C-alpha atoms as a PDB file:
ATOM      1  CA  MET A   1      27.456  66.009  79.466  1.00  0.00           C
ATOM      2  CA  GLY A   2      30.313  64.665  80.971  1.00  0.00           C
ATOM      3  CA  PRO A   3      29.880  62.960  84.195  1.00  0.00           C
ATOM      4  CA  PRO A   4      31.738  65.994  86.424  1.00  0.00           C
ATOM      5  CA  ARG A   5      28.814  68.444  84.705  1.00  0.00           C
ATOM      6  CA  ILE A   6      25.813  65.864  85.697  1.00  0.00           C
ATOM      7  CA  ILE A   7      27.417  65.559  89.387  1.00  0.00           C
ATOM      8  CA  SER A   8      27.535  69.232  89.141  1.00  0.00           C
ATOM      9  CA  LEU A   9      24.075  69.643  87.930  1.00  0.00           C
ATOM     10  CA  LEU A  10      22.843  66.699  90.627  1.00  0.00           C
ATOM     11  CA  PHE A  11      24.674  68.782  93.731  1.00  0.00           C
ATOM     12  CA  CYS A  12      22.667  72.596  92.498  1.00  0.00           C
ATOM     13  CA  ILE A  13      19.452  70.623  92.449  1.00  0.00           C
ATOM     14  CA  ALA A  14      19.496  68.598  95.869  1.00  0.00           C
ATOM     15  CA  ALA A  15      20.665  72.435  97.020  1.00  0.00           C
ATOM     16  CA  ALA A  16      17.599  73.982  95.713  1.00  0.00           C
ATOM     17  CA  ILE A  17      15.722  71.453  97.024  1.00  0.00           C
ATOM     18  CA  THR A  18      16.874  71.749 100.724  1.00  0.00           C
ATOM     19  CA  LEU A  19      16.489  74.989 100.933  1.00  0.00           C
ATOM     20  CA  SER A  20      13.162  75.461  98.929  1.00  0.00           C
ATOM     21  CA  GLY A  21      12.010  72.883 101.060  1.00  0.00           C
ATOM     22  CA  LEU A  22      13.286  75.017 104.566  1.00  0.00           C
ATOM     23  CA  PHE A  23      11.191  78.398 103.632  1.00  0.00           C
ATOM     24  CA  ALA A  24       8.075  76.628 101.586  1.00  0.00           C
ATOM     25  CA  GLN A  25       5.834  77.384 104.182  1.00  0.00           C
ATOM     26  CA  GLN A  26       7.202  81.152 103.489  1.00  0.00           C
ATOM     27  CA  ALA A  27       7.294  81.117  99.587  1.00  0.00           C
ATOM     28  CA  SER A  28       3.223  81.021  99.254  1.00  0.00           C
ATOM     29  CA  PRO A  29       1.558  79.772 102.107  1.00  0.00           C
ATOM     30  CA  ALA A  30      -1.852  79.401 102.674  1.00  0.00           C
ATOM     31  CA  ALA A  31      -3.575  82.528 105.016  1.00  0.00           C
ATOM     32  CA  SER A  32      -4.765  79.671 107.513  1.00  0.00           C
ATOM     33  CA  ALA A  33      -1.637  78.756 108.188  1.00  0.00           C
ATOM     34  CA  PHE A  34      -0.568  82.285 109.547  1.00  0.00           C
ATOM     35  CA  ALA A  35      -1.957  82.938 113.462  1.00  0.00           C
ATOM     36  CA  GLY A  36      -0.577  86.685 114.004  1.00  0.00           C
ATOM     37  CA  SER A  37       2.060  88.071 115.926  1.00  0.00           C
ATOM     38  CA  ALA A  38      -0.308  88.741 118.639  1.00  0.00           C
ATOM     39  CA  VAL A  39      -0.530  85.240 119.952  1.00  0.00           C
ATOM     40  CA  CYS A  40       2.762  84.979 119.976  1.00  0.00           C
ATOM     41  CA  ARG A  41       2.736  87.439 122.899  1.00  0.00           C
ATOM     42  CA  THR A  42       1.314  84.449 125.342  1.00  0.00           C
ATOM     43  CA  CYS A  43       4.411  82.374 125.402  1.00  0.00           C
ATOM     44  CA  HIS A  44       6.915  84.878 124.254  1.00  0.00           C
ATOM     45  CA  PRO A  45       6.296  87.732 126.692  1.00  0.00           C
ATOM     46  CA  ASN A  46       9.930  89.075 127.086  1.00  0.00           C
ATOM     47  CA  VAL A  47      10.142  89.382 123.303  1.00  0.00           C
ATOM     48  CA  ALA A  48       7.041  91.044 122.987  1.00  0.00           C
ATOM     49  CA  LEU A  49       7.193  93.623 125.457  1.00  0.00           C
ATOM     50  CA  GLN A  50       9.920  95.250 123.979  1.00  0.00           C
ATOM     51  CA  PHE A  51       9.130  94.748 120.018  1.00  0.00           C
ATOM     52  CA  PHE A  52       7.341  97.659 119.037  1.00  0.00           C
ATOM     53  CA  ARG A  53      10.936  99.801 119.119  1.00  0.00           C
ATOM     54  CA  ASN A  54      12.270  97.361 116.889  1.00  0.00           C
ATOM     55  CA  PRO A  55      12.885  98.206 113.121  1.00  0.00           C
ATOM     56  CA  HIS A  56      11.715  94.966 112.441  1.00  0.00           C
ATOM     57  CA  ASN A  57       8.039  96.238 113.602  1.00  0.00           C
ATOM     58  CA  LYS A  58       7.542  98.394 111.264  1.00  0.00           C
ATOM     59  CA  SER A  59       6.411  95.353 108.586  1.00  0.00           C
ATOM     60  CA  SER A  60       3.824  94.705 111.219  1.00  0.00           C
ATOM     61  CA  VAL A  61       2.307  97.474 111.470  1.00  0.00           C
ATOM     62  CA  ALA A  62       2.035  98.707 107.636  1.00  0.00           C
ATOM     63  CA  SER A  63      -1.259  98.086 106.014  1.00  0.00           C
ATOM     64  CA  ASN A  64      -0.068  96.796 102.807  1.00  0.00           C
ATOM     65  CA  VAL A  65       2.114  93.738 104.052  1.00  0.00           C
ATOM     66  CA  LYS A  66       1.471  90.519 102.917  1.00  0.00           C
ATOM     67  CA  ALA A  67       1.293  87.853 105.779  1.00  0.00           C
ATOM     68  CA  GLU A  68       4.651  85.706 105.127  1.00  0.00           C
ATOM     69  CA  ASN A  69       6.120  89.236 105.814  1.00  0.00           C
ATOM     70  CA  ALA A  70       4.581  91.056 108.832  1.00  0.00           C
ATOM     71  CA  GLY A  71       5.721  90.337 112.324  1.00  0.00           C
ATOM     72  CA  CYS A  72       7.095  87.540 113.987  1.00  0.00           C
ATOM     73  CA  GLU A  73       6.043  85.557 110.661  1.00  0.00           C
ATOM     74  CA  GLY A  74       7.726  87.303 108.519  1.00  0.00           C
ATOM     75  CA  CYS A  75      10.913  86.199 109.958  1.00  0.00           C
ATOM     76  CA  HIS A  76      10.381  82.603 111.334  1.00  0.00           C
ATOM     77  CA  GLY A  77       7.608  81.171 108.954  1.00  0.00           C
ATOM     78  CA  PRO A  78       3.587  80.519 109.598  1.00  0.00           C
ATOM     79  CA  ALA A  79       3.059  80.197 112.948  1.00  0.00           C
ATOM     80  CA  LYS A  80      -0.518  78.265 113.181  1.00  0.00           C
ATOM     81  CA  ALA A  81       1.390  74.662 113.180  1.00  0.00           C
ATOM     82  CA  HIS A  82       3.541  75.858 116.184  1.00  0.00           C
ATOM     83  CA  VAL A  83       0.756  77.312 118.292  1.00  0.00           C
ATOM     84  CA  ASP A  84      -1.366  73.661 117.681  1.00  0.00           C
ATOM     85  CA  ALA A  85       1.312  71.779 118.921  1.00  0.00           C
ATOM     86  CA  LYS A  86       2.167  74.136 122.024  1.00  0.00           C
ATOM     87  CA  GLY A  87       5.675  75.114 120.529  1.00  0.00           C
ATOM     88  CA  GLY A  88       8.687  73.131 119.678  1.00  0.00           C
ATOM     89  CA  LYS A  89      11.561  74.144 117.360  1.00  0.00           C
ATOM     90  CA  GLU A  90      10.537  71.603 114.496  1.00  0.00           C
ATOM     91  CA  THR A  91       7.303  73.766 114.053  1.00  0.00           C
ATOM     92  CA  ILE A  92       8.693  77.428 112.898  1.00  0.00           C
ATOM     93  CA  VAL A  93      11.781  78.170 112.016  1.00  0.00           C
ATOM     94  CA  ALA A  94      14.085  78.813 115.158  1.00  0.00           C
ATOM     95  CA  PHE A  95      17.322  80.783 113.898  1.00  0.00           C
ATOM     96  CA  SER A  96      18.935  78.657 116.906  1.00  0.00           C
ATOM     97  CA  THR A  97      18.877  75.517 114.472  1.00  0.00           C
ATOM     98  CA  LEU A  98      19.561  77.137 111.125  1.00  0.00           C
ATOM     99  CA  THR A  99      23.012  76.454 109.122  1.00  0.00           C
ATOM    100  CA  PRO A 100      24.977  79.722 108.775  1.00  0.00           C
ATOM    101  CA  ASN A 101      23.922  79.906 105.160  1.00  0.00           C
ATOM    102  CA  GLN A 102      20.269  79.186 106.016  1.00  0.00           C
ATOM    103  CA  ALA A 103      20.544  81.917 108.505  1.00  0.00           C
ATOM    104  CA  LEU A 104      21.554  84.356 105.887  1.00  0.00           C
ATOM    105  CA  ASP A 105      19.214  83.181 103.144  1.00  0.00           C
ATOM    106  CA  ALA A 106      16.489  83.905 105.560  1.00  0.00           C
ATOM    107  CA  CYS A 107      17.921  87.863 106.226  1.00  0.00           C
ATOM    108  CA  LEU A 108      18.620  88.453 103.172  1.00  0.00           C
ATOM    109  CA  ARG A 109      14.520  87.387 101.354  1.00  0.00           C
ATOM    110  CA  CYS A 110      13.981  91.311 102.912  1.00  0.00           C
ATOM    111  CA  HIS A 111      18.351  92.619 103.109  1.00  0.00           C
ATOM    112  CA  ALA A 112      19.011  91.686  99.746  1.00  0.00           C
ATOM    113  CA  LYS A 113      18.152  95.038  98.077  1.00  0.00           C
ATOM    114  CA  ASP A 114      20.427  96.723 100.230  1.00  0.00           C
ATOM    115  CA  ALA A 115      23.653  98.121  98.494  1.00  0.00           C
ATOM    116  CA  ASN A 116      25.302  97.930 101.883  1.00  0.00           C
ATOM    117  CA  ARG A 117      24.953  94.650 101.391  1.00  0.00           C
ATOM    118  CA  ALA A 118      25.658  93.395  97.782  1.00  0.00           C
ATOM    119  CA  ASN A 119      29.082  91.460  98.636  1.00  0.00           C
ATOM    120  CA  ILE A 120      28.224  90.154 101.749  1.00  0.00           C
ATOM    121  CA  ARG A 121      28.044  86.435  99.892  1.00  0.00           C
ATOM    122  CA  ARG A 122      31.308  86.791  98.716  1.00  0.00           C
ATOM    123  CA  SER A 123      33.186  88.593 101.732  1.00  0.00           C
ATOM    124  CA  ASN A 124      35.417  87.283 104.467  1.00  0.00           C
ATOM    125  CA  HIS A 125      33.005  86.619 106.966  1.00  0.00           C
ATOM    126  CA  SER A 126      30.407  84.469 104.785  1.00  0.00           C
ATOM    127  CA  GLN A 127      32.990  82.616 103.774  1.00  0.00           C
ATOM    128  CA  ALA A 128      34.074  82.098 107.500  1.00  0.00           C
ATOM    129  CA  ASN A 129      30.324  81.048 108.535  1.00  0.00           C
ATOM    130  CA  VAL A 130      30.569  84.256 110.308  1.00  0.00           C
ATOM    131  CA  VAL A 131      26.532  85.614 109.293  1.00  0.00           C
ATOM    132  CA  CYS A 132      23.777  87.509 110.663  1.00  0.00           C
ATOM    133  CA  THR A 133      23.387  85.998 113.692  1.00  0.00           C
ATOM    134  CA  SER A 134      26.633  85.964 114.771  1.00  0.00           C
ATOM    135  CA  CYS A 135      27.064  90.110 114.972  1.00  0.00           C
ATOM    136  CA  HIS A 136      23.039  90.478 115.389  1.00  0.00           C
ATOM    137  CA  SER A 137      20.665  89.981 117.971  1.00  0.00           C
ATOM    138  CA  ILE A 138      17.489  90.902 116.988  1.00  0.00           C
ATOM    139  CA  HIS A 139      15.440  90.194 120.002  1.00  0.00           C
ATOM    140  CA  GLN A 140      18.180  91.210 122.847  1.00  0.00           C
ATOM    141  CA  SER A 141      20.410  93.793 121.185  1.00  0.00           C
ATOM    142  CA  ASP A 142      22.398  96.258 123.395  1.00  0.00           C
ATOM    143  CA  SER A 143      23.216  98.455 120.653  1.00  0.00           C
ATOM    144  CA  SER A 144      21.638 101.859 119.510  1.00  0.00           C
ATOM    145  CA  LYS A 145      22.221 101.096 115.918  1.00  0.00           C
ATOM    146  CA  GLY A 146      22.432  97.871 114.223  1.00  0.00           C
ATOM    147  CA  LEU A 147      20.227  95.803 116.019  1.00  0.00           C
ATOM    148  CA  LEU A 148      24.156  94.548 117.209  1.00  0.00           C
ATOM    149  CA  ALA A 149      24.090  92.117 120.331  1.00  0.00           C
ATOM    150  CA  LYS A 150      26.821  94.021 121.622  1.00  0.00           C
ATOM    151  CA  LYS A 151      28.787  97.700 121.379  1.00  0.00           C
ATOM    152  CA  GLN A 152      30.365  97.250 118.144  1.00  0.00           C
ATOM    153  CA  ALA A 153      33.667  97.399 119.016  1.00  0.00           C
ATOM    154  CA  ASP A 154      33.001  94.708 121.484  1.00  0.00           C
ATOM    155  CA  VAL A 155      31.303  92.131 118.729  1.00  0.00           C
ATOM    156  CA  CYS A 156      34.534  92.813 116.294  1.00  0.00           C
ATOM    157  CA  TYR A 157      36.678  91.789 119.333  1.00  0.00           C
ATOM    158  CA  GLY A 158      35.211  88.451 120.004  1.00  0.00           C
ATOM    159  CA  CYS A 159      37.206  87.450 116.948  1.00  0.00           C
ATOM    160  CA  HIS A 160      39.800  90.375 116.147  1.00  0.00           C
ATOM    161  CA  ASN A 161      41.823  90.177 119.765  1.00  0.00           C
ATOM    162  CA  ASP A 162      45.014  91.446 117.602  1.00  0.00           C
ATOM    163  CA  VAL A 163      43.295  94.427 116.481  1.00  0.00           C
ATOM    164  CA  ARG A 164      42.082  95.015 120.326  1.00  0.00           C
ATOM    165  CA  ALA A 165      45.808  94.656 121.237  1.00  0.00           C
ATOM    166  CA  GLN A 166      46.339  97.555 117.975  1.00  0.00           C
ATOM    167  CA  PHE A 167      43.937  99.822 119.931  1.00  0.00           C
ATOM    168  CA  SER A 168      45.050  99.917 123.310  1.00  0.00           C
ATOM    169  CA  MET A 169      49.131 101.545 121.510  1.00  0.00           C
ATOM    170  CA  PRO A 170      49.998 104.651 122.474  1.00  0.00           C
ATOM    171  CA  PHE A 171      49.055 106.178 118.761  1.00  0.00           C
ATOM    172  CA  LYS A 172      45.725 104.804 117.538  1.00  0.00           C
ATOM    173  CA  HIS A 173      42.600 105.447 116.140  1.00  0.00           C
ATOM    174  CA  ARG A 174      40.028 106.560 118.898  1.00  0.00           C
ATOM    175  CA  VAL A 175      38.079 103.314 118.609  1.00  0.00           C
ATOM    176  CA  ASN A 176      37.649 102.479 121.935  1.00  0.00           C
ATOM    177  CA  GLU A 177      37.340 106.061 123.128  1.00  0.00           C
ATOM    178  CA  GLY A 178      34.303 106.388 120.992  1.00  0.00           C
ATOM    179  CA  PHE A 179      35.216 108.860 118.367  1.00  0.00           C
ATOM    180  CA  MET A 180      34.964 106.651 115.625  1.00  0.00           C
ATOM    181  CA  THR A 181      33.855 102.538 115.171  1.00  0.00           C
ATOM    182  CA  CYS A 182      35.206 100.067 112.915  1.00  0.00           C
ATOM    183  CA  SER A 183      32.307 100.477 110.526  1.00  0.00           C
ATOM    184  CA  ASP A 184      33.811 103.858 109.561  1.00  0.00           C
ATOM    185  CA  CYS A 185      36.790 101.933 107.665  1.00  0.00           C
ATOM    186  CA  HIS A 186      35.556  98.364 107.212  1.00  0.00           C
ATOM    187  CA  ASN A 187      32.601  96.793 105.311  1.00  0.00           C
ATOM    188  CA  PRO A 188      31.423  93.813 107.756  1.00  0.00           C
ATOM    189  CA  HIS A 189      28.805  92.996 104.689  1.00  0.00           C
ATOM    190  CA  GLY A 190      31.490  93.181 101.941  1.00  0.00           C
ATOM    191  CA  THR A 191      33.591  95.897  99.907  1.00  0.00           C
ATOM    192  CA  ASN A 192      33.585  96.506  96.484  1.00  0.00           C
ATOM    193  CA  ALA A 193      37.625  97.877  98.009  1.00  0.00           C
ATOM    194  CA  PRO A 194      40.068  97.725  94.368  1.00  0.00           C
ATOM    195  CA  VAL A 195      42.429  94.771  95.263  1.00  0.00           C
ATOM    196  CA  TRP A 196      45.731  96.238  96.916  1.00  0.00           C
ATOM    197  CA  LYS A 197      49.137  94.288  97.418  1.00  0.00           C
ATOM    198  CA  THR A 198      48.039  91.150  98.212  1.00  0.00           C
ATOM    199  CA  GLY A 199      46.109  90.259  94.797  1.00  0.00           C
ATOM    200  CA  ARG A 200      42.993  90.253  97.320  1.00  0.00           C
ATOM    201  CA  ARG A 201      40.446  92.510  98.745  1.00  0.00           C
ATOM    202  CA  PRO A 202      42.425  93.279 102.141  1.00  0.00           C
ATOM    203  CA  HIS A 203      40.347  92.783 105.457  1.00  0.00           C
ATOM    204  CA  LEU A 204      36.896  94.237 104.046  1.00  0.00           C
ATOM    205  CA  VAL A 205      38.229  97.657 104.164  1.00  0.00           C
ATOM    206  CA  ASP A 206      35.419  99.872 102.834  1.00  0.00           C
ATOM    207  CA  THR A 207      35.603 102.548 100.086  1.00  0.00           C
ATOM    208  CA  GLY A 208      36.262 106.553 100.378  1.00  0.00           C
ATOM    209  CA  LEU A 209      35.462 109.226  97.578  1.00  0.00           C
ATOM    210  CA  GLN A 210      36.432 107.934  94.169  1.00  0.00           C
ATOM    211  CA  ASN A 211      36.855 104.360  95.231  1.00  0.00           C
ATOM    212  CA  GLU A 212      39.707 104.994  96.733  1.00  0.00           C
ATOM    213  CA  GLN A 213      40.997 103.465 100.527  1.00  0.00           C
ATOM    214  CA  ALA A 214      38.816 104.976 103.357  1.00  0.00           C
ATOM    215  CA  CYS A 215      41.351 106.740 104.848  1.00  0.00           C
ATOM    216  CA  MET A 216      40.354 109.433 102.551  1.00  0.00           C
ATOM    217  CA  LYS A 217      36.981 109.684 104.096  1.00  0.00           C
ATOM    218  CA  CYS A 218      38.548 111.835 107.327  1.00  0.00           C
ATOM    219  CA  HIS A 219      42.189 112.758 105.577  1.00  0.00           C
ATOM    220  CA  THR A 220      40.931 114.581 102.831  1.00  0.00           C
ATOM    221  CA  ASP A 221      43.790 116.681 102.342  1.00  0.00           C
ATOM    222  CA  LYS A 222      46.022 113.579 101.099  1.00  0.00           C
ATOM    223  CA  ARG A 223      43.474 112.265  98.714  1.00  0.00           C
ATOM    224  CA  GLY A 224      44.405 114.777  95.689  1.00  0.00           C
ATOM    225  CA  PRO A 225      44.138 114.669  92.738  1.00  0.00           C
ATOM    226  CA  PHE A 226      48.186 115.551  92.382  1.00  0.00           C
ATOM    227  CA  LEU A 227      50.297 116.186  89.474  1.00  0.00           C
ATOM    228  CA  PHE A 228      53.225 114.653  91.244  1.00  0.00           C
ATOM    229  CA  GLU A 229      51.891 110.980  93.106  1.00  0.00           C
ATOM    230  CA  HIS A 230      53.498 108.941  95.416  1.00  0.00           C
ATOM    231  CA  ALA A 231      53.999 105.527  94.179  1.00  0.00           C
ATOM    232  CA  ALA A 232      53.802 104.036  97.742  1.00  0.00           C
ATOM    233  CA  VAL A 233      50.540 105.611  98.367  1.00  0.00           C
ATOM    234  CA  ARG A 234      48.898 105.508  94.994  1.00  0.00           C
ATOM    235  CA  VAL A 235      49.638 101.717  94.014  1.00  0.00           C
ATOM    236  CA  ASP A 236      50.238  99.987  97.686  1.00  0.00           C
ATOM    237  CA  GLY A 237      47.945 102.332  99.783  1.00  0.00           C
ATOM    238  CA  CYS A 238      48.236 104.079 103.053  1.00  0.00           C
ATOM    239  CA  GLU A 239      49.487 100.487 105.076  1.00  0.00           C
ATOM    240  CA  THR A 240      52.829 100.589 103.603  1.00  0.00           C
ATOM    241  CA  CYS A 241      53.768 103.577 106.071  1.00  0.00           C
ATOM    242  CA  HIS A 242      51.202 103.585 108.303  1.00  0.00           C
ATOM    243  CA  SER A 243      49.867 100.448 110.728  1.00  0.00           C
ATOM    244  CA  PRO A 244      46.161 101.657 110.595  1.00  0.00           C
ATOM    245  CA  HIS A 245      44.949 100.598 113.742  1.00  0.00           C
ATOM    246  CA  GLY A 246      47.216 101.582 116.195  1.00  0.00           C
ATOM    247  CA  SER A 247      51.367 101.744 116.351  1.00  0.00           C
ATOM    248  CA  THR A 248      54.416 102.914 119.137  1.00  0.00           C
ATOM    249  CA  ASN A 249      55.684 105.280 116.544  1.00  0.00           C
ATOM    250  CA  ALA A 250      54.227 108.707 115.481  1.00  0.00           C
ATOM    251  CA  ARG A 251      51.446 109.250 113.377  1.00  0.00           C
ATOM    252  CA  LEU A 252      51.163 105.775 113.378  1.00  0.00           C
ATOM    253  CA  LEU A 253      54.058 104.692 111.129  1.00  0.00           C
ATOM    254  CA  LYS A 254      55.712 101.062 110.756  1.00  0.00           C
ATOM    255  CA  ARG A 255      58.894 102.467 112.057  1.00  0.00           C
ATOM    256  CA  PRO A 256      59.858 104.616 114.800  1.00  0.00           C
ATOM    257  CA  VAL A 257      62.126 107.023 112.095  1.00  0.00           C
ATOM    258  CA  VAL A 258      61.479 108.774 109.583  1.00  0.00           C
ATOM    259  CA  PHE A 259      64.408 107.701 107.159  1.00  0.00           C
ATOM    260  CA  THR A 260      63.581 103.955 107.987  1.00  0.00           C
ATOM    261  CA  VAL A 261      59.983 104.335 106.677  1.00  0.00           C
ATOM    262  CA  CYS A 262      61.400 105.863 103.535  1.00  0.00           C
ATOM    263  CA  LEU A 263      64.993 103.530 103.167  1.00  0.00           C
ATOM    264  CA  GLU A 264      62.559 100.183 102.765  1.00  0.00           C
ATOM    265  CA  CYS A 265      62.050 101.615  99.313  1.00  0.00           C
ATOM    266  CA  HIS A 266      64.055 104.746  98.621  1.00  0.00           C
ATOM    267  CA  ASN A 267      67.520 102.572  98.988  1.00  0.00           C
ATOM    268  CA  GLY A 268      69.497 103.015  95.977  1.00  0.00           C
ATOM    269  CA  ALA A 269      69.148  99.429  94.127  1.00  0.00           C
ATOM    270  CA  GLY A 270      69.771 100.138  90.626  1.00  0.00           C
ATOM    271  CA  SER A 271      67.860 103.498  90.046  1.00  0.00           C
ATOM    272  CA  PHE A 272      64.810 102.980  92.452  1.00  0.00           C
ATOM    273  CA  GLY A 273      65.128 105.854  94.830  1.00  0.00           C
ATOM    274  CA  ARG A 274      66.650 108.240  92.264  1.00  0.00           C
ATOM    275  CA  GLN A 275      66.251 110.851  89.685  1.00  0.00           C
ATOM    276  CA  SER A 276      65.732 111.167  86.237  1.00  0.00           C
ATOM    277  CA  ASP A 277      65.580 114.388  84.379  1.00  0.00           C
ATOM    278  CA  GLY A 278      64.629 112.583  80.999  1.00  0.00           C
ATOM    279  CA  VAL A 279      67.934 112.387  79.597  1.00  0.00           C
ATOM    280  CA  ALA A 280      70.347 110.847  82.262  1.00  0.00           C
ATOM    281  CA  THR A 281      70.034 109.776  85.630  1.00  0.00           C
ATOM    282  CA  GLN A 282      71.412 111.319  88.331  1.00  0.00           C
ATOM    283  CA  SER A 283      72.173 109.543  91.957  1.00  0.00           C
ATOM    284  CA  VAL A 284      70.581 111.474  94.681  1.00  0.00           C
ATOM    285  CA  SER A 285      72.513 110.636  97.894  1.00  0.00           C
ATOM    286  CA  HIS A 286      72.315 111.473 101.774  1.00  0.00           C
ATOM    287  CA  ASN A 287      74.972 110.576 104.096  1.00  0.00           C
ATOM    288  CA  MET A 288      72.445 108.965 106.784  1.00  0.00           C
ATOM    289  CA  ALA A 289      75.186 109.601 109.476  1.00  0.00           C
ATOM    290  CA  ASP A 290      74.411 113.248 109.353  1.00  0.00           C
ATOM    291  CA  PRO A 291      71.290 113.931 111.851  1.00  0.00           C
ATOM    292  CA  ARG A 292      70.352 116.661 109.043  1.00  0.00           C
ATOM    293  CA  TYR A 293      69.160 114.386 106.522  1.00  0.00           C
ATOM    294  CA  ARG A 294      67.257 111.621 109.031  1.00  0.00           C
ATOM    295  CA  ASN A 295      64.007 113.633 108.614  1.00  0.00           C
ATOM    296  CA  CYS A 296      63.351 113.338 105.211  1.00  0.00           C
ATOM    297  CA  THR A 297      60.022 114.927 105.654  1.00  0.00           C
ATOM    298  CA  THR A 298      61.943 118.267 106.685  1.00  0.00           C
ATOM    299  CA  CYS A 299      62.786 119.084 103.163  1.00  0.00           C
ATOM    300  CA  HIS A 300      60.002 116.461 101.358  1.00  0.00           C
ATOM    301  CA  ILE A 301      57.299 117.916 102.920  1.00  0.00           C
ATOM    302  CA  ARG A 302      54.607 116.654 100.595  1.00  0.00           C
ATOM    303  CA  ILE A 303      55.304 113.506 101.465  1.00  0.00           C
ATOM    304  CA  HIS A 304      51.812 112.126  99.690  1.00  0.00           C
ATOM    305  CA  GLY A 305      51.592 113.802  96.686  1.00  0.00           C
ATOM    306  CA  SER A 306      52.635 117.666  94.888  1.00  0.00           C
ATOM    307  CA  ASN A 307      51.192 120.092  92.415  1.00  0.00           C
ATOM    308  CA  SER A 308      54.563 121.393  92.309  1.00  0.00           C
ATOM    309  CA  ASP A 309      57.327 119.518  92.807  1.00  0.00           C
ATOM    310  CA  ARG A 310      58.557 115.707  91.724  1.00  0.00           C
ATOM    311  CA  THR A 311      60.388 115.190  94.777  1.00  0.00           C
ATOM    312  CA  PHE A 312      57.777 116.528  97.101  1.00  0.00           C
ATOM    313  CA  LEU A 313      59.788 119.172  98.165  1.00  0.00           C
ATOM    314  CA  ARG A 314      57.908 122.631  99.413  1.00  0.00           C
END
């Protein structure tokens, strides 16, 4: 075993010891180490007053739940030492003192089995040290869903100010109006989305039916399958032509005029943008100076895919 492998092994052992030390009291603590949630109310009445509404409270009322998973101590660890010391963050698992990875590990003790969070450790958020406590507030949530610290859009806007500006465009998805939310299209905990364009999973975009882009959840008429597929849709995805959050152009197009969108690909370079009948290649050209040809979708109406014509005509 070479020096690099030895160093790597020692690093893994050290990391395991650190994490096990942090939660050793939760792994197999003695029953006498627990004080019970009732005693917590003495010093934390503001939390206890509303905790009965909290989804985490379900674990404290079930009869078959072990002490290390029940009530306040399910997250904060055995509290007897904390009570005896009359408080202090050093005698309890205080999330305000945990590193991002430690906070993530603490929450995943229970939430690791949730399929919605299967990719959370390799998500863009986790890799940027944005973890559970960055978006969720367990005790003082202002949201009716997911214990979010704020309204979902406001949580996301805290980091994504550029997206906030896009949702103020004349044409946009109605997130600010409350018609839809960011998580309708994105999975903040990680995604199984296929790799498009850049060779990476883009922006935590969620998957729709048949592992397709999230757009197909609502725009089902565009999903096919089609006998004649538009490569831009199938290979590169909807963002080839559309700006998903908002645009100054109708239909969220990236350009103000339809034919300029089409000419980004169908520019006549080589044989691209032309027809082939299998024997000979015919040049198909329209005079773009003629206004009749400037709205491509007037004729090529099935631009997302067609079952009747290879050039997406009616």
